[in-house]
Amino acid sequence: MQVTGKYSHKTYKCPRCGHEESHGTNHFGKIYVSCKGCSWKNPMQPIVAMECQEPLPEGWTVPEEWKIVTLGDVTQTPT
């Protein structure tokens, strides 16, 4: 199964507000960016996992999803 290929612009949709925008990527999976429609309303969580709206070509699969962490997740002191 192919995961990455030629760089091209695709339509991505924000799961938080539904805003759609074009981004250039080399895959058909989620991208982790600030949404122009709602990230300004969520300063503590500006990054969203936008979903590709283009159909997945035959023989392709999407990359593994990233775990989104916050500063609190990284700086917590073990007990």
Protein backbone atom coordinates (compact mmCIF):
# COMPACT_ATOMS: atom_id res chain seq x y z
CA MET A 1 0.00 0.00 0.00
CA GLN A 2 1.27 3.45 -0.91
CA VAL A 3 1.22 6.13 1.83
CA THR A 4 3.03 9.08 0.25
CA GLY A 5 3.45 10.29 -3.28
CA LYS A 6 3.60 13.44 -5.37
CA TYR A 7 2.98 16.75 -3.58
CA SER A 8 -0.40 18.25 -4.46
CA HIS A 9 -3.01 20.61 -3.04
CA LYS A 10 -6.08 18.99 -1.49
CA THR A 11 -9.14 20.19 0.40
CA TYR A 12 -9.07 19.62 4.16
CA LYS A 13 -11.94 20.09 6.63
CA CYS A 14 -11.74 21.14 10.27
CA PRO A 15 -13.61 18.70 12.55
CA ARG A 16 -14.14 21.47 15.11
CA CYS A 17 -15.89 24.11 12.97
CA GLY A 18 -16.36 22.58 9.50
CA HIS A 19 -14.18 25.17 7.74
CA GLU A 20 -12.57 23.87 4.54
CA GLU A 21 -9.25 25.07 3.16
CA SER A 22 -6.62 23.94 0.68
CA HIS A 23 -3.25 22.61 1.81
CA GLY A 24 -0.37 21.03 -0.08
CA THR A 25 0.72 17.59 1.12
CA ASN A 26 2.22 14.37 -0.21
CA HIS A 27 -0.44 12.11 1.43
CA PHE A 28 -4.19 11.75 1.94
CA GLY A 29 -4.25 11.48 5.73
CA LYS A 30 -4.92 14.07 8.41
CA ILE A 31 -2.80 17.20 8.73
CA TYR A 32 -2.10 19.02 11.97
CA VAL A 33 -2.43 22.77 11.47
CA SER A 34 -4.13 25.89 12.80
CA CYS A 35 -7.61 26.30 11.33
CA LYS A 36 -8.25 29.74 9.85
CA GLY A 37 -11.90 29.38 10.87
CA CYS A 38 -11.60 28.63 14.58
CA SER A 39 -8.05 28.40 15.96
CA TRP A 40 -8.13 32.07 16.97
CA LYS A 41 -11.13 31.20 19.21
CA ASN A 42 -9.17 28.38 20.87
CA PRO A 43 -5.78 29.84 21.87
CA MET A 44 -5.04 26.96 24.26
CA GLN A 45 -5.72 24.37 21.51
CA PRO A 46 -4.88 26.06 18.20
CA ILE A 47 -3.85 22.86 16.37
CA VAL A 48 -6.53 20.62 14.85
CA ALA A 49 -6.30 17.38 12.90
CA MET A 50 -7.88 18.44 9.61
CA GLU A 51 -9.34 15.64 7.51
CA CYS A 52 -8.64 15.24 3.80
CA GLN A 53 -11.79 15.57 1.69
CA GLU A 54 -10.29 14.08 -1.48
CA PRO A 55 -11.07 10.44 -2.30
CA LEU A 56 -8.31 7.99 -1.39
CA PRO A 57 -6.79 6.62 -4.62
CA GLU A 58 -6.90 2.87 -5.17
CA GLY A 59 -3.88 1.15 -3.63
CA TRP A 60 -3.26 3.94 -1.09
CA THR A 61 -3.59 4.05 2.68
CA VAL A 62 -3.36 6.95 5.12
CA PRO A 63 -0.42 7.58 7.48
CA GLU A 64 -0.75 6.68 11.15
CA GLU A 65 -2.42 9.42 13.23
CA TRP A 66 -0.33 11.55 15.57
CA LYS A 67 -1.03 11.86 19.27
CA ILE A 68 -1.68 15.52 20.04
CA VAL A 69 -0.21 16.55 23.39
CA THR A 70 -0.36 19.78 25.35
CA LEU A 71 2.35 21.53 27.35
CA GLY A 72 0.80 20.13 30.54
CA ASP A 73 1.24 16.59 29.19
CA VAL A 74 4.95 17.23 28.64
CA THR A 75 5.75 19.14 31.83
CA GLN A 76 3.90 17.11 34.45
CA THR A 77 6.15 15.96 37.28
CA PRO A 78 5.98 12.21 37.99
CA THR A 79 4.66 11.33 41.44
